[in-house]
Amino acid sequence: MMPKQGSYCTMKDVEAGELAALKGRANSKAGKNWLSDKEDNRRRILAEALSLSISTEYRQLVKTNVNGKVRQIDAPSLDTLVIQHLWMEVVMPYYMSVEPGVARNCLPGRGVTAEDRKGSVLKEAKRLFYDRRDLNFLTCADQRQCYQRITPRTYRKGMKVLRDMVLAKSGEERTPDTMAYWKWLIDFGEAVSFVDGRLPIGTPTSPLVHHIAMLPFDLWLKEQFPWAVRYADNAWVAVETREEANQALWRIRQYWWYVYGLRAKRHTAGVMAIGEEGADLCGYVVRRFPHKTATSHDKGLTLMRPATLHRAVRCRDDKSWASYFGLMKAADCYGIMQKTEQRMKLTELTKRVRIDRSMDAKHIEMKDLEGKVHNVYKYEIRRSKDGDNWMKALIGIPELDQESGKPTGRIRAYEYHGNYQGIIRWLRELEQSGIDFLPIEEGRIVNECGFIYEGSTNQMEFIEEE
């Protein structure tokens, strides 16, 4: 059911938007100012959203990509960022409930190398090239100036399509309250997403607005072609014959022009055979080996784009190398990575790809920890569908001199992990108490019906008979 008048969004939605906006910004000057008066700020943002009395603020920045392309960036202020994430928090569940799975960027679980095949461009491309042997030609099209051509009018048309699909799926009737809610949601999105009638680059709402505007196109792609993927302003469809591929390119171009006023780039749009020459999809060149079947081995090859690979093997910056390393792992670049390791000193390579793991310390078995006094500084509990089933704790044990046995004054760091239900339940009880209980000092593990902390359970001493 749609929310009733006055409850279009709630304080819970504002808190979710605040959390997303403060990610990586909590320690900035703006973040500290916001958190110092967060309750009033939340109420103000909620009131602005419900009344649509929204004022946005941006900083103009200029960014240059590695390929030399210059972009004019509109960087929103923290207040603007919070209210933008608030709108996304409200509208995203609606969009995800009806979108056909064609769009692969800036959505939960989507990306070039996402874990789920249905959300990954690369994994879907590998499936096409390696397994879909019935499809032999690929049509590629790239929108020209897509953000500049997305207007409030095209956004509102996309939102109305989204509204009609959501209402049809839920069986909701078009009551005055329902239509008023959707009008508010559409007006809210336009107010927080557009700057002087244009869709800015650099704001979190812009990709979602582009997706909503492209929703009719995505639905059309899914209906018309056996395989279709869109990543931002790039679209690919696969068909059986070259004639169908040329027809698909013409139809996509006409759709973009007559519906959105968008042109396709001349030099990147085209038709290619799915074969050994390969196709470039989002930085990866995927190739198909002939005379194979879906159940064969060695069905194809995936390489990185030559320009990206060239920068990766010559990278000397630690942070950049970590990113390139992750990209190379998704392709068939093991030999290149191995040669890079042989060319570099092992310690240097290890330093470049080292990751910081949470609570990473020397492991200690629970049977060796039993009876030893220690402090607990940090812990993590993980859940499955059946509840809490695993924990990890960072602890400190006073170091003793090996010869004299006296304390050295230093604390040795260790970690233990496992499914210790007695400890997990005790920690959960401490969390619910609201007490700031970390660090836990002078704790001692005992094995009494399982490993627990001494004194953490109410144990029976005598059996009382009635």
Protein backbone atom coordinates (compact mmCIF):
# COMPACT_ATOMS: atom_id res chain seq x y z
CA MET A 1 0.00 0.00 0.00
CA MET A 2 1.13 3.53 -0.70
CA PRO A 3 1.80 5.85 2.28
CA LYS A 4 -1.01 8.14 3.32
CA GLN A 5 -0.87 11.93 3.16
CA GLY A 6 1.65 13.32 5.67
CA SER A 7 3.71 10.12 5.88
CA TYR A 8 5.28 10.11 2.43
CA CYS A 9 8.69 9.65 4.04
CA THR A 10 9.68 9.10 7.65
CA MET A 11 12.50 9.96 10.01
CA LYS A 12 13.83 6.44 9.44
CA ASP A 13 14.28 7.30 5.75
CA VAL A 14 16.08 10.51 6.71
CA GLU A 15 18.45 8.57 8.98
CA ALA A 16 19.21 6.13 6.14
CA GLY A 17 19.92 9.06 3.80
CA GLU A 18 22.12 10.67 6.44
CA LEU A 19 24.11 7.45 6.89
CA ALA A 20 24.75 7.19 3.14
CA ALA A 21 25.68 10.87 2.84
CA LEU A 22 28.10 10.77 5.78
CA LYS A 23 29.97 7.71 4.51
CA GLY A 24 33.58 8.86 4.27
CA ARG A 25 32.61 12.39 5.38
CA ALA A 26 31.85 12.00 9.10
CA ASN A 27 35.26 13.38 10.13
CA SER A 28 35.14 16.33 7.74
CA LYS A 29 34.28 19.82 8.96
CA ALA A 30 30.82 19.63 7.37
CA GLY A 31 30.25 16.17 8.82
CA LYS A 32 31.16 17.23 12.35
CA ASN A 33 28.93 20.30 12.08
CA TRP A 34 26.04 18.11 10.95
CA LEU A 35 26.53 15.53 13.72
CA SER A 36 26.82 18.22 16.40
CA ASP A 37 23.15 19.10 15.79
CA LYS A 38 21.91 16.03 13.95
CA GLU A 39 18.43 15.85 15.53
CA ASP A 40 17.49 19.35 14.39
CA ASN A 41 19.11 18.74 11.01
CA ARG A 42 17.05 15.56 10.53
CA ARG A 43 13.80 17.33 11.39
CA ARG A 44 14.67 20.19 9.04
CA ILE A 45 15.44 17.84 6.13
CA LEU A 46 12.20 15.89 6.72
CA ALA A 47 10.15 19.09 6.79
CA GLU A 48 11.80 20.34 3.57
CA ALA A 49 11.11 17.04 1.82
CA LEU A 50 7.45 16.83 2.83
CA SER A 51 6.75 20.47 1.93
CA LEU A 52 9.01 20.42 -1.19
CA SER A 53 10.62 23.66 0.02
CA ILE A 54 14.04 22.42 -1.08
CA SER A 55 17.14 24.52 -1.73
CA THR A 56 20.23 22.80 -3.15
CA GLU A 57 23.84 23.97 -3.11
CA TYR A 58 26.76 22.82 -5.30
CA ARG A 59 30.47 23.50 -5.78
CA GLN A 60 31.81 23.63 -9.31
CA LEU A 61 34.81 21.34 -9.89
CA VAL A 62 36.82 20.30 -12.94
CA LYS A 63 38.04 16.69 -13.18
CA THR A 64 40.30 15.19 -15.85
CA ASN A 65 40.11 11.43 -16.52
CA VAL A 66 43.15 9.27 -17.24
CA ASN A 67 42.23 9.41 -20.93
CA GLY A 68 42.37 13.21 -20.86
CA LYS A 69 38.63 13.84 -20.92
CA VAL A 70 37.66 16.94 -18.90
CA ARG A 71 34.39 16.93 -16.93
CA GLN A 72 32.55 19.75 -15.20
CA ILE A 73 31.48 18.36 -11.82
CA ASP A 74 28.68 19.69 -9.59
CA ALA A 75 29.67 18.63 -6.05
CA PRO A 76 26.66 18.90 -3.68
CA SER A 77 26.91 20.25 -0.16
CA LEU A 78 26.28 17.84 2.72
CA ASP A 79 22.71 19.09 3.28
CA THR A 80 21.97 18.59 -0.44
CA LEU A 81 23.60 15.17 -0.32
CA VAL A 82 21.42 14.05 2.60
CA ILE A 83 18.16 15.08 0.94
CA GLN A 84 19.28 13.49 -2.36
CA HIS A 85 19.97 10.20 -0.61
CA LEU A 86 16.59 10.55 1.14
CA TRP A 87 14.81 10.65 -2.23
CA MET A 88 16.86 7.67 -3.43
CA GLU A 89 15.95 5.77 -0.27
CA VAL A 90 12.26 6.23 -1.08
CA VAL A 91 12.27 5.64 -4.84
CA MET A 92 14.94 2.93 -5.21
CA PRO A 93 12.76 0.02 -3.92
CA TYR A 94 10.09 0.90 -6.47
CA TYR A 95 12.59 0.98 -9.33
CA MET A 96 14.31 -2.27 -8.34
CA SER A 97 10.94 -4.06 -8.08
CA VAL A 98 10.06 -3.51 -11.75
CA GLU A 99 13.30 -2.87 -13.69
CA PRO A 100 14.00 -5.64 -16.24
CA GLY A 101 17.64 -6.32 -15.32
CA VAL A 102 19.16 -4.59 -18.36
CA ALA A 103 20.87 -1.71 -16.48
CA ARG A 104 24.15 -2.68 -14.82
CA ASN A 105 25.64 0.50 -13.30
CA CYS A 106 25.15 2.39 -10.02
CA LEU A 107 22.57 -0.05 -8.65
CA PRO A 108 22.74 -2.47 -5.69
CA GLY A 109 24.51 -5.67 -6.74
CA ARG A 110 25.33 -4.33 -10.22
CA GLY A 111 28.65 -3.44 -11.82
CA VAL A 112 31.26 -4.49 -14.36
CA THR A 113 32.62 -7.30 -12.15
CA ALA A 114 29.72 -7.81 -9.72
CA GLU A 115 29.59 -11.14 -7.90
CA ASP A 116 26.18 -12.15 -9.27
CA ARG A 117 26.21 -12.96 -12.98
CA LYS A 118 22.84 -11.28 -13.49
CA GLY A 119 24.30 -8.04 -12.17
CA SER A 120 27.72 -8.20 -13.85
CA VAL A 121 28.55 -6.87 -17.31
CA LEU A 122 31.66 -9.04 -17.65
CA LYS A 123 30.11 -12.31 -16.45
CA GLU A 124 27.09 -11.79 -18.68
CA ALA A 125 29.43 -11.07 -21.61
CA LYS A 126 31.41 -14.25 -20.91
CA ARG A 127 28.17 -16.21 -20.88
CA LEU A 128 27.26 -14.68 -24.24
CA PHE A 129 30.64 -15.32 -25.89
CA TYR A 130 31.34 -18.72 -24.33
CA ASP A 131 27.91 -20.37 -24.04
CA ARG A 132 25.33 -18.61 -26.25
CA ARG A 133 26.57 -20.09 -29.53
CA ASP A 134 23.20 -19.36 -31.15
CA LEU A 135 23.96 -15.61 -31.09
CA ASN A 136 26.67 -14.58 -33.54
CA PHE A 137 26.58 -10.78 -33.87
CA LEU A 138 26.84 -7.94 -31.38
CA THR A 139 25.40 -4.44 -31.82
CA CYS A 140 27.05 -1.64 -29.84
CA ALA A 141 25.61 1.87 -29.35
CA ASP A 142 26.81 4.76 -27.17
CA GLN A 143 24.72 7.80 -26.26
CA ARG A 144 26.16 11.22 -26.99
CA GLN A 145 25.88 13.76 -24.13
CA CYS A 146 23.36 11.61 -22.28
CA TYR A 147 23.15 13.71 -19.09
CA GLN A 148 22.78 16.97 -21.02
CA ARG A 149 19.83 15.47 -22.96
CA ILE A 150 17.99 14.08 -19.94
CA THR A 151 15.50 16.82 -19.11
CA PRO A 152 12.86 17.12 -16.37
CA ARG A 153 10.30 16.20 -19.02
CA THR A 154 11.95 12.86 -19.90
CA TYR A 155 12.50 12.15 -16.20
CA ARG A 156 8.83 12.73 -15.42
CA LYS A 157 7.75 10.47 -18.29
CA GLY A 158 9.99 7.71 -16.92
CA MET A 159 8.58 8.19 -13.41
CA LYS A 160 5.03 7.84 -14.74
CA VAL A 161 5.98 4.58 -16.42
CA LEU A 162 7.51 3.45 -13.11
CA ARG A 163 4.35 4.51 -11.26
CA ASP A 164 2.05 2.59 -13.61
CA MET A 165 4.19 -0.55 -13.35
CA VAL A 166 4.35 -0.42 -9.55
CA LEU A 167 0.59 0.13 -9.26
CA ALA A 168 -0.14 -2.70 -11.69
CA LYS A 169 2.20 -5.07 -9.88
CA SER A 170 0.80 -4.29 -6.43
CA GLY A 171 -2.85 -4.12 -7.54
CA GLU A 172 -3.13 -0.63 -6.06
CA GLU A 173 -6.02 1.48 -7.30
CA ARG A 174 -5.53 5.02 -8.59
CA THR A 175 -7.07 6.79 -5.61
CA PRO A 176 -6.57 10.54 -5.01
CA ASP A 177 -4.19 9.78 -2.14
CA THR A 178 -2.12 7.41 -4.26
CA MET A 179 -1.83 9.84 -7.14
CA ALA A 180 -0.99 12.67 -4.74
CA TYR A 181 1.79 10.58 -3.26
CA TRP A 182 3.30 9.83 -6.67
CA LYS A 183 3.03 13.49 -7.70
CA TRP A 184 4.96 14.41 -4.56
CA LEU A 185 7.59 11.74 -5.26
CA ILE A 186 8.04 12.92 -8.87
CA ASP A 187 8.27 16.59 -7.83
CA PHE A 188 10.67 15.68 -5.03
CA GLY A 189 13.01 13.91 -7.44
CA GLU A 190 13.01 16.80 -9.89
CA ALA A 191 13.72 19.32 -7.11
CA VAL A 192 16.76 17.46 -5.74
CA SER A 193 18.19 16.10 -9.02
CA PHE A 194 18.20 18.95 -11.55
CA VAL A 195 20.18 22.19 -11.53
CA ASP A 196 18.59 24.92 -13.63
CA GLY A 197 16.84 22.27 -15.72
CA ARG A 198 19.94 20.17 -16.41
CA LEU A 199 21.07 16.84 -14.94
CA PRO A 200 24.45 17.46 -13.25
CA ILE A 201 27.51 15.22 -13.31
CA GLY A 202 28.85 14.17 -9.92
CA THR A 203 25.67 13.79 -7.84
CA PRO A 204 24.35 10.44 -6.54
CA THR A 205 20.86 11.05 -7.95
CA SER A 206 21.94 11.56 -11.57
CA PRO A 207 22.57 7.86 -12.41
CA LEU A 208 19.23 6.85 -10.89
CA VAL A 209 17.40 9.63 -12.78
CA HIS A 210 19.06 8.38 -15.98
CA HIS A 211 17.92 4.83 -15.19
CA ILE A 212 14.34 5.98 -14.58
CA ALA A 213 14.31 7.98 -17.82
CA MET A 214 15.71 4.92 -19.65
CA LEU A 215 13.20 2.50 -18.07
CA PRO A 216 10.94 2.42 -21.17
CA PHE A 217 14.00 1.81 -23.36
CA ASP A 218 15.26 -1.00 -21.10
CA LEU A 219 11.85 -2.66 -21.17
CA TRP A 220 11.83 -2.39 -24.97
CA LEU A 221 15.33 -3.91 -25.22
CA LYS A 222 14.36 -6.82 -22.99
CA GLU A 223 11.26 -7.50 -25.09
CA GLN A 224 12.84 -7.15 -28.54
CA PHE A 225 16.23 -8.91 -28.27
CA PRO A 226 17.40 -12.26 -26.84
CA TRP A 227 20.39 -10.69 -25.08
CA ALA A 228 20.71 -7.05 -24.00
CA VAL A 229 22.84 -5.11 -21.50
CA ARG A 230 23.09 -1.39 -20.78
CA TYR A 231 25.89 0.17 -18.76
CA ALA A 232 25.19 3.91 -18.27
CA ASP A 233 25.07 5.37 -21.80
CA ASN A 234 26.37 2.21 -23.54
CA ALA A 235 24.00 -0.45 -24.87
CA TRP A 236 24.78 -3.87 -26.37
CA VAL A 237 22.39 -6.38 -27.94
CA ALA A 238 23.23 -9.81 -29.42
CA VAL A 239 21.33 -11.45 -32.27
CA GLU A 240 21.74 -14.36 -34.68
CA THR A 241 22.49 -12.71 -38.04
CA ARG A 242 24.25 -9.61 -39.34
CA GLU A 243 21.00 -8.37 -40.89
CA GLU A 244 19.29 -8.48 -37.50
CA ALA A 245 22.27 -6.71 -35.93
CA ASN A 246 22.16 -3.84 -38.44
CA GLN A 247 18.42 -3.57 -37.97
CA ALA A 248 18.89 -3.46 -34.18
CA LEU A 249 21.42 -0.61 -34.47
CA TRP A 250 19.05 1.39 -36.66
CA ARG A 251 16.13 0.80 -34.30
CA ILE A 252 18.14 1.81 -31.21
CA ARG A 253 19.30 5.00 -32.87
CA GLN A 254 15.77 5.90 -33.90
CA TYR A 255 14.40 5.15 -30.43
CA TRP A 256 16.97 7.38 -28.76
CA TRP A 257 16.41 10.25 -31.17
CA TYR A 258 12.62 10.28 -31.34
CA VAL A 259 11.95 9.52 -27.65
CA TYR A 260 14.85 11.26 -25.87
CA GLY A 261 16.42 13.56 -28.46
CA LEU A 262 19.68 11.61 -28.00
CA ARG A 263 22.18 10.88 -30.74
CA ALA A 264 24.40 7.79 -30.89
CA LYS A 265 28.14 8.38 -31.22
CA ARG A 266 29.28 7.73 -34.77
CA HIS A 267 32.67 6.17 -34.14
CA THR A 268 31.70 3.78 -31.34
CA ALA A 269 28.34 2.55 -32.70
CA GLY A 270 28.49 -0.48 -34.97
CA VAL A 271 28.03 -4.18 -35.60
CA MET A 272 30.65 -6.88 -35.07
CA ALA A 273 30.83 -10.63 -35.33
CA ILE A 274 31.17 -12.52 -32.06
CA GLY A 275 34.42 -14.36 -32.70
CA GLU A 276 38.15 -14.50 -32.05
CA GLU A 277 38.71 -10.79 -32.71
CA GLY A 278 36.70 -9.99 -29.62
CA ALA A 279 34.61 -7.06 -28.44
CA ASP A 280 35.42 -4.38 -25.86
CA LEU A 281 32.85 -4.20 -23.08
CA CYS A 282 33.61 -1.80 -20.24
CA GLY A 283 37.38 -2.23 -20.43
CA TYR A 284 37.50 -5.98 -21.08
CA VAL A 285 38.04 -7.59 -24.48
CA VAL A 286 36.08 -10.87 -24.65
CA ARG A 287 36.79 -13.40 -27.41
CA ARG A 288 35.02 -16.55 -28.58
CA PHE A 289 36.92 -19.58 -29.85
CA PRO A 290 35.19 -21.34 -32.78
CA HIS A 291 34.12 -24.98 -33.02
CA LYS A 292 33.27 -25.23 -29.33
CA THR A 293 30.07 -25.98 -27.46
CA ALA A 294 28.68 -24.71 -24.18
CA THR A 295 30.08 -27.79 -22.39
CA SER A 296 33.58 -27.58 -23.92
CA HIS A 297 36.74 -26.41 -22.20
CA ASP A 298 38.79 -23.45 -23.42
CA LYS A 299 35.73 -21.80 -25.00
CA GLY A 300 37.14 -18.26 -25.12
CA LEU A 301 39.48 -15.66 -23.66
CA THR A 302 39.03 -12.45 -21.67
CA LEU A 303 41.73 -9.78 -21.68
CA MET A 304 41.93 -6.24 -20.37
CA ARG A 305 41.71 -3.27 -22.71
CA PRO A 306 45.29 -2.71 -24.01
CA ALA A 307 45.47 0.91 -22.78
CA THR A 308 44.33 -0.12 -19.28
CA LEU A 309 46.74 -3.06 -19.20
CA HIS A 310 49.57 -0.76 -20.33
CA ARG A 311 48.91 1.55 -17.36
CA ALA A 312 48.56 -1.41 -14.97
CA VAL A 313 51.94 -3.03 -15.68
CA ARG A 314 53.68 0.36 -15.39
CA CYS A 315 51.85 1.53 -12.30
CA ARG A 316 54.04 2.70 -9.42
CA ASP A 317 51.36 4.04 -7.10
CA ASP A 318 50.24 1.71 -4.31
CA LYS A 319 46.55 2.64 -4.33
CA SER A 320 46.29 2.53 -8.12
CA TRP A 321 48.09 -0.81 -8.26
CA ALA A 322 45.56 -2.35 -5.87
CA SER A 323 42.74 -1.27 -8.22
CA TYR A 324 44.52 -2.59 -11.31
CA PHE A 325 45.28 -5.83 -9.49
CA GLY A 326 41.54 -6.33 -8.84
CA LEU A 327 40.73 -5.64 -12.50
CA MET A 328 43.37 -8.09 -13.73
CA LYS A 329 42.01 -10.85 -11.50
CA ALA A 330 38.69 -10.71 -13.38
CA ALA A 331 40.45 -11.34 -16.71
CA ASP A 332 42.73 -14.08 -18.01
CA CYS A 333 45.87 -12.17 -17.00
CA TYR A 334 47.55 -14.71 -14.73
CA GLY A 335 50.67 -14.90 -16.90
CA ILE A 336 51.06 -11.13 -16.99
CA MET A 337 50.59 -10.91 -13.23
CA GLN A 338 53.16 -13.68 -12.75
CA LYS A 339 55.70 -11.91 -14.97
CA THR A 340 55.13 -8.70 -13.03
CA GLU A 341 55.81 -10.56 -9.80
CA GLN A 342 59.04 -12.03 -11.20
CA ARG A 343 60.18 -8.65 -12.47
CA MET A 344 59.57 -6.96 -9.12
CA LYS A 345 60.95 -7.88 -5.72
CA LEU A 346 58.53 -10.11 -3.86
CA THR A 347 58.53 -7.84 -0.80
CA GLU A 348 57.74 -4.84 -2.97
CA LEU A 349 54.88 -6.64 -4.72
CA THR A 350 53.52 -7.89 -1.40
CA LYS A 351 53.60 -4.35 -0.07
CA ARG A 352 51.67 -3.11 -3.09
CA VAL A 353 48.84 -5.66 -2.85
CA ARG A 354 48.67 -5.98 0.94
CA ILE A 355 45.24 -5.41 2.44
CA ASP A 356 44.32 -4.35 5.96
CA ARG A 357 42.01 -6.92 7.49
CA SER A 358 39.87 -6.01 10.46
CA MET A 359 41.20 -7.38 13.77
CA ASP A 360 44.13 -9.07 12.02
CA ALA A 361 46.41 -10.52 14.72
CA LYS A 362 48.01 -13.83 15.65
CA HIS A 363 45.41 -16.54 16.18
CA ILE A 364 45.06 -18.26 19.54
CA GLU A 365 43.07 -21.44 20.12
CA MET A 366 40.37 -21.29 22.78
CA LYS A 367 41.90 -24.21 24.68
CA ASP A 368 45.17 -22.25 24.92
CA LEU A 369 43.33 -19.11 26.04
CA GLU A 370 41.36 -20.91 28.75
CA GLY A 371 42.18 -19.52 32.19
CA LYS A 372 44.38 -16.65 30.91
CA VAL A 373 43.50 -13.11 31.97
CA HIS A 374 43.02 -10.87 28.95
CA ASN A 375 41.25 -7.77 27.67
CA VAL A 376 38.74 -7.71 24.79
CA TYR A 377 39.12 -4.61 22.61
CA LYS A 378 36.96 -5.33 19.59
CA TYR A 379 34.68 -8.06 18.28
CA GLU A 380 32.53 -8.96 15.29
CA ILE A 381 29.50 -11.28 15.15
CA ARG A 382 28.19 -12.69 11.88
CA ARG A 383 24.74 -14.02 11.11
CA SER A 384 23.22 -16.59 8.80
CA LYS A 385 19.56 -17.23 8.07
CA ASP A 386 19.45 -19.28 11.29
CA GLY A 387 20.87 -16.50 13.49
CA ASP A 388 24.26 -15.61 15.00
CA ASN A 389 26.69 -18.42 14.20
CA TRP A 390 30.24 -17.00 14.20
CA MET A 391 32.33 -14.43 16.05
CA LYS A 392 35.80 -12.96 16.05
CA ALA A 393 37.45 -10.99 18.85
CA LEU A 394 40.63 -8.93 19.14
CA ILE A 395 42.18 -9.44 22.57
CA GLY A 396 45.29 -8.42 24.46
CA ILE A 397 47.31 -10.62 26.86
CA PRO A 398 49.99 -9.07 29.11
CA GLU A 399 53.44 -10.15 27.91
CA LEU A 400 55.67 -11.94 30.41
CA ASP A 401 59.47 -12.05 30.32
CA GLN A 402 60.58 -15.55 29.32
CA GLU A 403 63.37 -15.70 31.90
CA SER A 404 61.96 -13.92 34.95
CA GLY A 405 58.27 -14.45 34.29
CA LYS A 406 57.56 -10.83 35.20
CA PRO A 407 55.31 -8.55 33.10
CA THR A 408 57.19 -6.53 30.49
CA GLY A 409 54.51 -3.82 30.37
CA ARG A 410 53.50 -4.65 26.80
CA ILE A 411 50.22 -6.18 25.66
CA ARG A 412 50.41 -8.95 23.06
CA ALA A 413 47.63 -8.84 20.45
CA TYR A 414 45.76 -12.04 19.55
CA GLU A 415 42.48 -13.00 17.95
CA TYR A 416 40.15 -15.93 18.41
CA HIS A 417 37.16 -16.88 16.29
CA GLY A 418 34.53 -19.57 16.06
CA ASN A 419 30.93 -20.46 16.89
CA TYR A 420 31.06 -19.83 20.65
CA GLN A 421 27.36 -19.46 21.43
CA GLY A 422 27.83 -18.75 25.13
CA ILE A 423 30.08 -15.78 24.42
CA ILE A 424 27.94 -14.58 21.50
CA ARG A 425 24.75 -14.55 23.61
CA TRP A 426 26.53 -12.69 26.42
CA LEU A 427 27.85 -10.03 24.03
CA ARG A 428 24.39 -9.58 22.53
CA GLU A 429 22.97 -9.04 26.02
CA LEU A 430 25.63 -6.40 26.68
CA GLU A 431 24.73 -4.65 23.42
CA GLN A 432 21.06 -4.47 24.39
CA SER A 433 21.89 -3.04 27.81
CA GLY A 434 23.12 0.19 26.24
CA ILE A 435 26.28 0.15 28.36
CA ASP A 436 29.60 1.18 26.78
CA PHE A 437 31.29 -2.06 27.80
CA LEU A 438 34.41 -2.11 25.60
CA PRO A 439 37.15 -2.77 26.38
CA ILE A 440 36.31 -5.75 28.60
CA GLU A 441 39.15 -5.85 31.11
CA GLU A 442 40.57 -8.85 32.97
CA GLY A 443 38.30 -11.39 31.28
CA ARG A 444 38.86 -15.09 31.79
CA ILE A 445 37.59 -17.97 29.61
CA VAL A 446 36.25 -21.07 31.35
CA ASN A 447 34.93 -24.30 29.82
CA GLU A 448 31.58 -24.85 31.52
CA CYS A 449 29.00 -26.33 29.13
CA GLY A 450 31.03 -24.72 26.38
CA PHE A 451 33.50 -21.87 26.45
CA ILE A 452 32.14 -18.79 28.27
CA TYR A 453 33.53 -15.82 30.16
CA GLU A 454 33.79 -16.45 33.87
CA GLY A 455 30.77 -15.02 35.70
CA SER A 456 28.78 -14.31 32.56
CA THR A 457 26.02 -16.87 33.28
CA ASN A 458 23.69 -17.62 36.18
CA GLN A 459 24.68 -21.11 37.25
CA MET A 460 22.76 -23.40 39.60
CA GLU A 461 24.57 -24.59 42.73
CA PHE A 462 21.95 -26.82 44.34
CA ILE A 463 18.96 -28.86 43.17
CA GLU A 464 15.85 -27.82 45.05
CA GLU A 465 13.11 -30.44 45.15
CA GLU A 466 9.49 -29.53 45.80
